[in-house]
Amino acid sequence: MITLKDIFRAVCNHISDVADIPVADSDMEEPVIRPSFKIFMDTVNAGLFSSALRQLKVYFNIYFYSSDRKHSKADIMEIEDKIAFSFLEPFEIKPNCCVYIDSLEFEKVTDGVLSCSFNFEIATEFGIEDKDGIGNETMEDLYINENLEE
């Protein structure tokens, strides 16, 4: 089962590793340590995909704060390239769980800040117990010995 926490942690680790720049606490407003990233995740949609799959659609907004507010063009272009190239391959959330990031949107904001946004959908297994306390495991075949019933 993949949780929202797993998804958020995977994106934070990926961005930090790709750029070799730390991710700042997104709850902290000021002061912003430069260079750093702030990453925000919103759950756009959550629901039932099938009887054993939970569907999630998540939206990410990543802010990169360059080293220098006034002379940030080169830093921003370098980070934009690193992030864009890093998502050309499937993005791994956990072993055996990868997603494709189809579209990244970049916007240069004032004061040496780059904004990157993307979203993706994922369907993940979850366990449900029925009223009798029996899980949703697959049933085994039942064989009846007809000779014993006589």
N, C-alpha and C. Protein backbone atom coordinates (compact mmCIF):
# COMPACT_ATOMS: atom_id res chain seq x y z
N MET A 1 0.85 -1.18 0.00
CA MET A 1 0.00 0.00 0.00
C MET A 1 0.90 1.24 0.00
N ILE A 2 0.55 2.21 -0.80
CA ILE A 2 1.27 3.48 -0.89
C ILE A 2 0.42 4.55 -0.19
N THR A 3 1.04 5.29 0.71
CA THR A 3 0.34 6.36 1.42
C THR A 3 0.73 7.72 0.86
N LEU A 4 -0.02 8.74 1.22
CA LEU A 4 0.31 10.09 0.80
C LEU A 4 1.68 10.50 1.34
N LYS A 5 1.99 10.06 2.54
CA LYS A 5 3.30 10.35 3.13
C LYS A 5 4.42 9.73 2.30
N ASP A 6 4.22 8.51 1.81
CA ASP A 6 5.21 7.85 0.95
C ASP A 6 5.46 8.65 -0.32
N ILE A 7 4.38 9.14 -0.92
CA ILE A 7 4.48 9.91 -2.16
C ILE A 7 5.23 11.21 -1.91
N PHE A 8 4.85 11.93 -0.87
CA PHE A 8 5.50 13.21 -0.57
C PHE A 8 6.98 13.02 -0.27
N ARG A 9 7.30 12.02 0.54
CA ARG A 9 8.70 11.75 0.89
C ARG A 9 9.51 11.40 -0.35
N ALA A 10 8.95 10.60 -1.26
CA ALA A 10 9.67 10.21 -2.47
C ALA A 10 9.98 11.42 -3.35
N VAL A 11 9.01 12.32 -3.50
CA VAL A 11 9.24 13.52 -4.32
C VAL A 11 10.29 14.41 -3.67
N CYS A 12 10.20 14.64 -2.36
CA CYS A 12 11.18 15.47 -1.66
C CYS A 12 12.59 14.90 -1.80
N ASN A 13 12.74 13.60 -1.60
CA ASN A 13 14.04 12.96 -1.73
C ASN A 13 14.57 13.04 -3.15
N HIS A 14 13.70 12.84 -4.11
CA HIS A 14 14.10 12.89 -5.52
C HIS A 14 14.62 14.28 -5.90
N ILE A 15 13.88 15.30 -5.55
CA ILE A 15 14.27 16.67 -5.90
C ILE A 15 15.57 17.05 -5.20
N SER A 16 15.69 16.73 -3.94
CA SER A 16 16.91 17.03 -3.18
C SER A 16 18.13 16.32 -3.77
N ASP A 17 17.96 15.04 -4.14
CA ASP A 17 19.06 14.27 -4.71
C ASP A 17 19.47 14.78 -6.09
N VAL A 18 18.49 15.10 -6.92
CA VAL A 18 18.77 15.55 -8.28
C VAL A 18 19.54 16.87 -8.29
N ALA A 19 19.12 17.80 -7.44
CA ALA A 19 19.72 19.14 -7.45
C ALA A 19 20.84 19.29 -6.43
N ASP A 20 20.97 18.32 -5.52
CA ASP A 20 21.94 18.40 -4.43
C ASP A 20 21.76 19.69 -3.62
N ILE A 21 20.49 20.01 -3.39
CA ILE A 21 20.10 21.19 -2.61
C ILE A 21 19.03 20.74 -1.63
N PRO A 22 19.09 21.19 -0.37
CA PRO A 22 18.12 20.72 0.63
C PRO A 22 16.70 21.22 0.37
N VAL A 23 15.76 20.45 0.90
CA VAL A 23 14.35 20.84 0.87
C VAL A 23 14.04 21.46 2.23
N ALA A 24 13.56 22.71 2.21
CA ALA A 24 13.22 23.41 3.45
C ALA A 24 11.83 22.98 3.92
N ASP A 25 11.57 23.17 5.18
CA ASP A 25 10.26 22.87 5.75
C ASP A 25 9.24 23.80 5.11
N SER A 26 8.24 23.23 4.46
CA SER A 26 7.25 24.05 3.75
C SER A 26 6.31 24.78 4.71
N ASP A 27 6.28 24.39 5.98
CA ASP A 27 5.46 25.10 6.96
C ASP A 27 6.10 26.41 7.42
N MET A 28 7.41 26.49 7.28
CA MET A 28 8.13 27.68 7.71
C MET A 28 8.02 28.77 6.64
N GLU A 29 7.56 29.95 7.01
CA GLU A 29 7.38 31.02 6.03
C GLU A 29 8.63 31.86 5.83
N GLU A 30 9.23 32.35 6.84
CA GLU A 30 10.42 33.20 6.73
C GLU A 30 11.39 32.85 7.82
N PRO A 31 12.63 33.10 7.70
CA PRO A 31 13.33 33.50 6.49
C PRO A 31 13.58 32.29 5.60
N VAL A 32 13.66 32.53 4.31
CA VAL A 32 13.93 31.48 3.35
C VAL A 32 15.44 31.32 3.24
N ILE A 33 15.92 30.12 3.44
CA ILE A 33 17.34 29.83 3.29
C ILE A 33 17.60 29.60 1.81
N ARG A 34 18.61 30.26 1.28
CA ARG A 34 18.94 30.14 -0.14
C ARG A 34 20.27 29.45 -0.31
N PRO A 35 20.47 28.57 -1.23
CA PRO A 35 19.47 27.97 -2.12
C PRO A 35 18.70 26.87 -1.38
N SER A 36 17.46 26.71 -1.73
CA SER A 36 16.64 25.64 -1.16
C SER A 36 15.38 25.45 -1.98
N PHE A 37 14.68 24.38 -1.66
CA PHE A 37 13.39 24.07 -2.27
C PHE A 37 12.32 24.07 -1.19
N LYS A 38 11.12 24.43 -1.57
CA LYS A 38 9.93 24.20 -0.76
C LYS A 38 8.98 23.41 -1.65
N ILE A 39 8.43 22.34 -1.09
CA ILE A 39 7.58 21.44 -1.86
C ILE A 39 6.22 21.33 -1.19
N PHE A 40 5.18 21.54 -1.98
CA PHE A 40 3.81 21.47 -1.49
C PHE A 40 3.07 20.40 -2.29
N MET A 41 2.26 19.59 -1.59
CA MET A 41 1.48 18.55 -2.24
C MET A 41 0.02 18.70 -1.83
N ASP A 42 -0.85 18.63 -2.81
CA ASP A 42 -2.29 18.64 -2.56
C ASP A 42 -2.89 17.39 -3.16
N THR A 43 -3.82 16.79 -2.45
CA THR A 43 -4.56 15.66 -2.99
C THR A 43 -5.73 16.23 -3.77
N VAL A 44 -5.72 16.01 -5.07
CA VAL A 44 -6.77 16.54 -5.92
C VAL A 44 -7.98 15.62 -5.91
N ASN A 45 -7.71 14.32 -5.90
CA ASN A 45 -8.80 13.36 -6.00
C ASN A 45 -8.39 12.07 -5.31
N ALA A 46 -9.27 11.49 -4.55
CA ALA A 46 -9.04 10.18 -3.94
C ALA A 46 -10.34 9.40 -4.02
N GLY A 47 -10.24 8.15 -4.37
CA GLY A 47 -11.45 7.35 -4.46
C GLY A 47 -11.14 5.90 -4.74
N LEU A 48 -12.19 5.16 -4.98
CA LEU A 48 -12.08 3.74 -5.23
C LEU A 48 -11.91 3.51 -6.73
N PHE A 49 -10.84 2.81 -7.09
CA PHE A 49 -10.59 2.49 -8.50
C PHE A 49 -11.24 1.16 -8.85
N SER A 50 -11.08 0.18 -7.97
CA SER A 50 -11.73 -1.12 -8.11
C SER A 50 -11.89 -1.69 -6.71
N SER A 51 -12.29 -2.95 -6.62
CA SER A 51 -12.57 -3.52 -5.31
C SER A 51 -11.35 -3.57 -4.40
N ALA A 52 -10.15 -3.54 -4.94
CA ALA A 52 -8.96 -3.64 -4.08
C ALA A 52 -7.95 -2.53 -4.37
N LEU A 53 -8.33 -1.53 -5.17
CA LEU A 53 -7.41 -0.46 -5.52
C LEU A 53 -7.97 0.90 -5.14
N ARG A 54 -7.15 1.70 -4.51
CA ARG A 54 -7.47 3.08 -4.17
C ARG A 54 -6.78 3.98 -5.19
N GLN A 55 -7.52 4.90 -5.77
CA GLN A 55 -6.96 5.80 -6.77
C GLN A 55 -6.68 7.16 -6.12
N LEU A 56 -5.48 7.69 -6.38
CA LEU A 56 -5.09 9.01 -5.88
C LEU A 56 -4.61 9.86 -7.03
N LYS A 57 -5.00 11.11 -7.03
CA LYS A 57 -4.43 12.08 -7.95
C LYS A 57 -3.84 13.18 -7.08
N VAL A 58 -2.55 13.42 -7.23
CA VAL A 58 -1.86 14.40 -6.41
C VAL A 58 -1.26 15.49 -7.28
N TYR A 59 -1.19 16.67 -6.71
CA TYR A 59 -0.66 17.84 -7.40
C TYR A 59 0.52 18.37 -6.60
N PHE A 60 1.62 18.63 -7.27
CA PHE A 60 2.81 19.16 -6.61
C PHE A 60 3.15 20.54 -7.13
N ASN A 61 3.57 21.39 -6.22
CA ASN A 61 4.12 22.69 -6.57
C ASN A 61 5.44 22.82 -5.84
N ILE A 62 6.50 22.98 -6.61
CA ILE A 62 7.86 23.05 -6.07
C ILE A 62 8.41 24.44 -6.33
N TYR A 63 8.94 25.05 -5.29
CA TYR A 63 9.58 26.37 -5.43
C TYR A 63 11.06 26.22 -5.18
N PHE A 64 11.86 26.73 -6.10
CA PHE A 64 13.30 26.77 -5.94
C PHE A 64 13.72 28.21 -5.68
N TYR A 65 14.41 28.41 -4.57
CA TYR A 65 14.92 29.73 -4.20
C TYR A 65 16.40 29.75 -4.54
N SER A 66 16.78 30.54 -5.54
CA SER A 66 18.18 30.57 -5.99
C SER A 66 19.07 31.26 -4.96
N SER A 67 20.36 31.07 -5.13
CA SER A 67 21.35 31.64 -4.20
C SER A 67 21.28 33.16 -4.13
N ASP A 68 21.08 33.77 -5.27
CA ASP A 68 21.09 35.23 -5.35
C ASP A 68 19.78 35.71 -5.97
N ARG A 69 19.08 36.58 -5.28
CA ARG A 69 17.79 37.08 -5.78
C ARG A 69 17.91 37.84 -7.09
N LYS A 70 18.96 38.61 -7.22
CA LYS A 70 19.09 39.51 -8.37
C LYS A 70 19.77 38.86 -9.57
N HIS A 71 20.70 37.95 -9.34
CA HIS A 71 21.44 37.30 -10.42
C HIS A 71 21.16 35.80 -10.38
N SER A 72 19.97 35.43 -10.78
CA SER A 72 19.53 34.05 -10.60
C SER A 72 19.29 33.30 -11.90
N LYS A 73 19.44 33.95 -13.04
CA LYS A 73 19.07 33.35 -14.32
C LYS A 73 19.79 32.02 -14.57
N ALA A 74 21.11 31.98 -14.37
CA ALA A 74 21.88 30.75 -14.62
C ALA A 74 21.48 29.65 -13.64
N ASP A 75 21.32 29.99 -12.36
CA ASP A 75 20.90 29.00 -11.37
C ASP A 75 19.54 28.40 -11.72
N ILE A 76 18.63 29.26 -12.10
CA ILE A 76 17.26 28.80 -12.41
C ILE A 76 17.26 27.89 -13.64
N MET A 77 18.01 28.26 -14.68
CA MET A 77 18.05 27.41 -15.88
C MET A 77 18.68 26.05 -15.57
N GLU A 78 19.71 26.03 -14.74
CA GLU A 78 20.36 24.78 -14.37
C GLU A 78 19.40 23.87 -13.61
N ILE A 79 18.69 24.42 -12.63
CA ILE A 79 17.74 23.62 -11.84
C ILE A 79 16.57 23.16 -12.70
N GLU A 80 16.09 24.02 -13.57
CA GLU A 80 14.99 23.64 -14.46
C GLU A 80 15.38 22.44 -15.32
N ASP A 81 16.59 22.48 -15.88
CA ASP A 81 17.09 21.34 -16.67
C ASP A 81 17.21 20.08 -15.83
N LYS A 82 17.79 20.19 -14.64
CA LYS A 82 17.98 19.01 -13.79
C LYS A 82 16.64 18.37 -13.44
N ILE A 83 15.66 19.18 -13.08
CA ILE A 83 14.35 18.63 -12.72
C ILE A 83 13.68 18.01 -13.94
N ALA A 84 13.69 18.72 -15.06
CA ALA A 84 13.03 18.22 -16.27
C ALA A 84 13.64 16.90 -16.74
N PHE A 85 14.97 16.82 -16.78
CA PHE A 85 15.62 15.59 -17.23
C PHE A 85 15.40 14.45 -16.25
N SER A 86 15.29 14.74 -14.97
CA SER A 86 15.14 13.68 -13.97
C SER A 86 13.79 12.96 -14.07
N PHE A 87 12.79 13.61 -14.64
CA PHE A 87 11.46 13.00 -14.75
C PHE A 87 11.21 12.38 -16.13
N LEU A 88 12.24 12.30 -16.97
CA LEU A 88 12.06 11.64 -18.27
C LEU A 88 11.93 10.13 -18.10
N GLU A 89 12.49 9.60 -17.05
CA GLU A 89 12.38 8.18 -16.73
C GLU A 89 11.25 8.00 -15.71
N PRO A 90 10.73 6.80 -15.56
CA PRO A 90 9.69 6.59 -14.54
C PRO A 90 10.19 7.00 -13.16
N PHE A 91 9.30 7.65 -12.41
CA PHE A 91 9.62 8.11 -11.07
C PHE A 91 9.22 7.04 -10.06
N GLU A 92 10.20 6.58 -9.27
CA GLU A 92 9.95 5.49 -8.32
C GLU A 92 9.50 6.04 -6.97
N ILE A 93 8.32 5.62 -6.54
CA ILE A 93 7.80 6.00 -5.22
C ILE A 93 8.29 5.00 -4.18
N LYS A 94 8.16 3.74 -4.50
CA LYS A 94 8.66 2.63 -3.68
C LYS A 94 9.12 1.56 -4.65
N PRO A 95 9.90 0.58 -4.18
CA PRO A 95 10.25 -0.52 -5.10
C PRO A 95 8.97 -1.13 -5.70
N ASN A 96 9.00 -1.36 -6.97
CA ASN A 96 7.87 -1.91 -7.74
C ASN A 96 6.69 -0.97 -7.83
N CYS A 97 6.89 0.32 -7.60
CA CYS A 97 5.82 1.31 -7.76
C CYS A 97 6.40 2.56 -8.40
N CYS A 98 6.13 2.72 -9.68
CA CYS A 98 6.65 3.86 -10.43
C CYS A 98 5.50 4.56 -11.15
N VAL A 99 5.68 5.84 -11.40
CA VAL A 99 4.70 6.60 -12.17
C VAL A 99 5.44 7.41 -13.22
N TYR A 100 4.72 7.79 -14.25
CA TYR A 100 5.26 8.67 -15.27
C TYR A 100 4.74 10.08 -15.03
N ILE A 101 5.63 11.03 -15.08
CA ILE A 101 5.26 12.44 -14.97
C ILE A 101 5.19 12.96 -16.41
N ASP A 102 3.97 13.17 -16.88
CA ASP A 102 3.77 13.55 -18.28
C ASP A 102 4.17 14.98 -18.60
N SER A 103 3.87 15.89 -17.70
CA SER A 103 4.05 17.29 -18.04
C SER A 103 4.50 18.08 -16.81
N LEU A 104 5.60 18.78 -16.98
CA LEU A 104 6.09 19.69 -15.94
C LEU A 104 5.84 21.11 -16.43
N GLU A 105 5.35 21.96 -15.55
CA GLU A 105 5.14 23.37 -15.91
C GLU A 105 6.06 24.22 -15.06
N PHE A 106 6.88 25.05 -15.74
CA PHE A 106 7.83 25.92 -15.05
C PHE A 106 7.40 27.37 -15.23
N GLU A 107 7.63 28.15 -14.19
CA GLU A 107 7.36 29.58 -14.24
C GLU A 107 8.40 30.30 -13.41
N LYS A 108 9.01 31.31 -14.01
CA LYS A 108 9.97 32.11 -13.27
C LYS A 108 9.20 33.18 -12.50
N VAL A 109 9.38 33.18 -11.20
CA VAL A 109 8.70 34.14 -10.34
C VAL A 109 9.72 35.20 -9.96
N THR A 110 9.26 36.32 -9.44
CA THR A 110 10.17 37.40 -9.08
C THR A 110 11.14 36.99 -7.97
N ASP A 111 12.18 37.76 -7.80
CA ASP A 111 13.17 37.59 -6.73
C ASP A 111 13.90 36.25 -6.77
N GLY A 112 14.23 35.77 -7.96
CA GLY A 112 15.02 34.56 -8.06
C GLY A 112 14.34 33.30 -7.62
N VAL A 113 13.06 33.16 -7.91
CA VAL A 113 12.30 31.97 -7.52
C VAL A 113 11.76 31.29 -8.78
N LEU A 114 11.95 29.98 -8.85
CA LEU A 114 11.42 29.16 -9.93
C LEU A 114 10.29 28.30 -9.37
N SER A 115 9.17 28.27 -10.06
CA SER A 115 8.04 27.44 -9.67
C SER A 115 7.92 26.31 -10.68
N CYS A 116 7.76 25.10 -10.17
CA CYS A 116 7.56 23.92 -11.01
C CYS A 116 6.32 23.19 -10.50
N SER A 117 5.42 22.85 -11.39
CA SER A 117 4.22 22.12 -10.96
C SER A 117 3.99 20.92 -11.87
N PHE A 118 3.44 19.88 -11.28
CA PHE A 118 3.07 18.68 -12.02
C PHE A 118 2.07 17.90 -11.20
N ASN A 119 1.41 16.96 -11.85
CA ASN A 119 0.50 16.06 -11.13
C ASN A 119 0.61 14.68 -11.73
N PHE A 120 0.13 13.71 -10.99
CA PHE A 120 0.06 12.36 -11.50
C PHE A 120 -1.00 11.59 -10.73
N GLU A 121 -1.43 10.47 -11.35
CA GLU A 121 -2.41 9.59 -10.72
C GLU A 121 -1.75 8.25 -10.44
N ILE A 122 -2.21 7.64 -9.38
CA ILE A 122 -1.69 6.34 -9.00
C ILE A 122 -2.83 5.51 -8.41
N ALA A 123 -2.81 4.22 -8.68
CA ALA A 123 -3.76 3.30 -8.07
C ALA A 123 -2.96 2.36 -7.19
N THR A 124 -3.34 2.24 -5.95
CA THR A 124 -2.58 1.44 -5.00
C THR A 124 -3.49 0.48 -4.25
N GLU A 125 -2.95 -0.68 -3.92
CA GLU A 125 -3.73 -1.69 -3.22
C GLU A 125 -4.01 -1.25 -1.79
N PHE A 126 -5.12 -1.72 -1.28
CA PHE A 126 -5.43 -1.53 0.13
C PHE A 126 -6.21 -2.75 0.59
N GLY A 127 -6.16 -3.03 1.89
CA GLY A 127 -6.85 -4.21 2.43
C GLY A 127 -8.13 -3.81 3.12
N ILE A 128 -9.19 -4.51 2.82
CA ILE A 128 -10.49 -4.28 3.48
C ILE A 128 -10.92 -5.58 4.11
N GLU A 129 -11.37 -5.52 5.35
CA GLU A 129 -11.94 -6.70 5.98
C GLU A 129 -13.45 -6.64 5.86
N ASP A 130 -14.02 -7.79 5.58
CA ASP A 130 -15.49 -7.80 5.49
C ASP A 130 -16.09 -7.91 6.90
N LYS A 131 -17.39 -8.01 6.98
CA LYS A 131 -18.09 -8.01 8.27
C LYS A 131 -17.70 -9.18 9.17
N ASP A 132 -17.30 -10.30 8.58
CA ASP A 132 -16.93 -11.47 9.37
C ASP A 132 -15.47 -11.42 9.82
N GLY A 133 -14.76 -10.37 9.46
CA GLY A 133 -13.36 -10.25 9.84
C GLY A 133 -12.41 -11.00 8.93
N ILE A 134 -12.94 -11.48 7.82
CA ILE A 134 -12.10 -12.18 6.85
C ILE A 134 -11.66 -11.18 5.81
N GLY A 135 -10.38 -11.17 5.52
CA GLY A 135 -9.83 -10.21 4.55
C GLY A 135 -10.21 -10.57 3.13
N ASN A 136 -9.65 -9.87 2.20
CA ASN A 136 -9.98 -10.10 0.80
C ASN A 136 -8.92 -10.97 0.12
N GLU A 137 -8.43 -12.00 0.84
CA GLU A 137 -7.48 -12.92 0.24
C GLU A 137 -8.20 -13.75 -0.81
N THR A 138 -7.43 -14.37 -1.67
CA THR A 138 -8.07 -15.23 -2.67
C THR A 138 -8.52 -16.52 -2.00
N MET A 139 -9.62 -17.04 -2.47
CA MET A 139 -10.17 -18.26 -1.89
C MET A 139 -9.46 -19.47 -2.47
N GLU A 140 -9.33 -20.50 -1.66
CA GLU A 140 -8.76 -21.75 -2.13
C GLU A 140 -9.89 -22.64 -2.62
N ASP A 141 -9.55 -23.58 -3.48
CA ASP A 141 -10.55 -24.53 -3.98
C ASP A 141 -10.98 -25.46 -2.86
N LEU A 142 -12.25 -25.78 -2.84
CA LEU A 142 -12.81 -26.68 -1.85
C LEU A 142 -13.12 -28.01 -2.53
N TYR A 143 -12.55 -29.07 -1.99
CA TYR A 143 -12.79 -30.41 -2.54
C TYR A 143 -13.57 -31.21 -1.51
N ILE A 144 -14.65 -31.85 -1.96
CA ILE A 144 -15.50 -32.65 -1.08
C ILE A 144 -15.27 -34.12 -1.39
N ASN A 145 -15.01 -34.86 -0.33
CA ASN A 145 -14.87 -36.30 -0.49
C ASN A 145 -16.26 -36.91 -0.45
N GLU A 146 -16.79 -37.27 -1.59
CA GLU A 146 -18.16 -37.76 -1.71
C GLU A 146 -18.34 -39.12 -1.02
N ASN A 147 -17.28 -39.89 -0.87
CA ASN A 147 -17.40 -41.20 -0.22
C ASN A 147 -17.76 -41.08 1.26
N LEU A 148 -17.38 -40.01 1.89
CA LEU A 148 -17.66 -39.82 3.31
C LEU A 148 -19.11 -39.43 3.58
N GLU A 149 -19.81 -38.97 2.61
CA GLU A 149 -21.18 -38.48 2.82
C GLU A 149 -22.21 -39.59 2.82
N GLU A 150 -21.88 -40.79 2.53
CA GLU A 150 -22.85 -41.89 2.46
C GLU A 150 -23.29 -42.39 3.77
